[in-house]
C-alpha atoms as a PDB file:
ATOM      1  CA  MET A   1      52.717 -14.194  17.445  1.00  0.00           C
ATOM      2  CA  GLN A   2      49.207 -14.729  18.275  1.00  0.00           C
ATOM      3  CA  ASN A   3      46.317 -13.255  15.951  1.00  0.00           C
ATOM      4  CA  THR A   4      43.105 -12.913  17.261  1.00  0.00           C
ATOM      5  CA  ILE A   5      40.060 -12.811  14.839  1.00  0.00           C
ATOM      6  CA  GLU A   6      36.564 -12.032  15.655  1.00  0.00           C
ATOM      7  CA  ILE A   7      34.829 -14.956  13.917  1.00  0.00           C
ATOM      8  CA  LYS A   8      31.250 -13.707  14.232  1.00  0.00           C
ATOM      9  CA  GLN A   9      32.093 -10.221  12.667  1.00  0.00           C
ATOM     10  CA  LEU A  10      33.516 -12.014   9.480  1.00  0.00           C
ATOM     11  CA  SER A  11      31.011 -12.420   6.436  1.00  0.00           C
ATOM     12  CA  ARG A  12      30.021 -15.910   5.262  1.00  0.00           C
ATOM     13  CA  GLU A  13      32.325 -15.543   2.477  1.00  0.00           C
ATOM     14  CA  GLU A  14      35.391 -14.345   4.792  1.00  0.00           C
ATOM     15  CA  LYS A  15      34.720 -17.233   7.327  1.00  0.00           C
ATOM     16  CA  LEU A  16      34.809 -19.731   4.265  1.00  0.00           C
ATOM     17  CA  ARG A  17      38.077 -18.019   2.808  1.00  0.00           C
ATOM     18  CA  VAL A  18      39.834 -18.425   6.234  1.00  0.00           C
ATOM     19  CA  MET A  19      38.542 -22.036   6.584  1.00  0.00           C
ATOM     20  CA  GLU A  20      39.920 -22.996   3.057  1.00  0.00           C
ATOM     21  CA  ALA A  21      43.097 -21.549   3.963  1.00  0.00           C
ATOM     22  CA  ILE A  22      43.470 -23.138   7.197  1.00  0.00           C
ATOM     23  CA  TRP A  23      42.563 -26.499   5.343  1.00  0.00           C
ATOM     24  CA  GLU A  24      45.080 -25.986   2.557  1.00  0.00           C
ATOM     25  CA  ASP A  25      47.867 -25.279   5.460  1.00  0.00           C
ATOM     26  CA  LEU A  26      46.817 -28.322   7.247  1.00  0.00           C
ATOM     27  CA  SER A  27      46.691 -30.468   3.937  1.00  0.00           C
ATOM     28  CA  ASN A  28      50.190 -29.508   3.189  1.00  0.00           C
ATOM     29  CA  GLU A  29      51.507 -31.405   6.407  1.00  0.00           C
ATOM     30  CA  GLU A  30      49.381 -34.363   6.033  1.00  0.00           C
ATOM     31  CA  GLU A  31      52.346 -36.646   6.534  1.00  0.00           C
ATOM     32  CA  GLN A  32      52.565 -35.153  10.267  1.00  0.00           C
ATOM     33  CA  VAL A  33      49.035 -36.282  10.989  1.00  0.00           C
ATOM     34  CA  GLU A  34      48.220 -39.801  11.418  1.00  0.00           C
ATOM     35  CA  SER A  35      44.774 -41.187  10.696  1.00  0.00           C
ATOM     36  CA  PRO A  36      42.824 -42.524  13.632  1.00  0.00           C
ATOM     37  CA  ASP A  37      42.128 -46.062  13.662  1.00  0.00           C
ATOM     38  CA  TRP A  38      38.377 -45.331  13.308  1.00  0.00           C
ATOM     39  CA  HIS A  39      38.886 -43.957  10.024  1.00  0.00           C
ATOM     40  CA  LYS A  40      40.783 -46.925   8.483  1.00  0.00           C
ATOM     41  CA  LYS A  41      37.756 -49.039   9.984  1.00  0.00           C
ATOM     42  CA  ALA A  42      35.348 -46.739   8.240  1.00  0.00           C
ATOM     43  CA  LEU A  43      37.276 -46.949   5.062  1.00  0.00           C
ATOM     44  CA  GLN A  44      37.399 -50.885   5.113  1.00  0.00           C
ATOM     45  CA  GLU A  45      33.582 -51.026   5.809  1.00  0.00           C
ATOM     46  CA  THR A  46      32.862 -48.660   2.683  1.00  0.00           C
ATOM     47  CA  GLU A  47      35.250 -50.881   0.365  1.00  0.00           C
ATOM     48  CA  ARG A  48      33.426 -53.915   1.781  1.00  0.00           C
ATOM     49  CA  ARG A  49      30.146 -52.380   1.210  1.00  0.00           C
ATOM     50  CA  LEU A  50      31.192 -51.360  -2.427  1.00  0.00           C
ATOM     51  CA  SER A  51      32.551 -54.842  -3.352  1.00  0.00           C
ATOM     52  CA  THR A  52      29.115 -56.391  -2.281  1.00  0.00           C
ATOM     53  CA  GLY A  53      27.208 -54.046  -4.100  1.00  0.00           C
ATOM     54  CA  GLN A  54      25.687 -52.602  -1.045  1.00  0.00           C
ATOM     55  CA  GLU A  55      27.317 -48.993  -1.688  1.00  0.00           C
ATOM     56  CA  LYS A  56      27.352 -47.234  -5.026  1.00  0.00           C
ATOM     57  CA  ILE A  57      29.497 -44.660  -6.547  1.00  0.00           C
ATOM     58  CA  VAL A  58      28.039 -41.073  -7.248  1.00  0.00           C
ATOM     59  CA  ASP A  59      29.757 -38.401  -8.986  1.00  0.00           C
ATOM     60  CA  TRP A  60      30.843 -35.496  -6.975  1.00  0.00           C
ATOM     61  CA  GLN A  61      28.781 -33.058  -8.505  1.00  0.00           C
ATOM     62  CA  ASP A  62      25.848 -34.909  -8.465  1.00  0.00           C
ATOM     63  CA  ALA A  63      26.259 -35.558  -4.712  1.00  0.00           C
ATOM     64  CA  LYS A  64      26.722 -31.940  -3.963  1.00  0.00           C
ATOM     65  CA  LYS A  65      23.466 -31.109  -5.784  1.00  0.00           C
ATOM     66  CA  GLU A  66      21.592 -33.750  -3.979  1.00  0.00           C
ATOM     67  CA  LEU A  67      22.868 -32.614  -0.563  1.00  0.00           C
ATOM     68  CA  ARG A  68      21.899 -29.110  -1.310  1.00  0.00           C
ATOM     69  CA  LYS A  69      18.406 -29.981  -2.159  1.00  0.00           C
ATOM     70  CA  ARG A  70      18.081 -31.945   1.146  1.00  0.00           C
ATOM     71  CA  PHE A  71      19.126 -29.190   3.106  1.00  0.00           C
ATOM     72  CA  GLU A  72      17.214 -26.078   1.760  1.00  0.00           C
END
């Protein structure tokens, strides 16, 4: 069965709900998705930067506020 959705006709809120539903569905199948090699390397680099003090941990709520300020 194929469902066709006219994405351009959806409101922003509807688009976000659809995106979240798709993400949730994909997340339930994470063991079926193999992480690409570049992602493993990026995580290792981040861990290295964290251990050497070049990277800092930021609270997620604070990070979202900062990102919103940058893109307003």
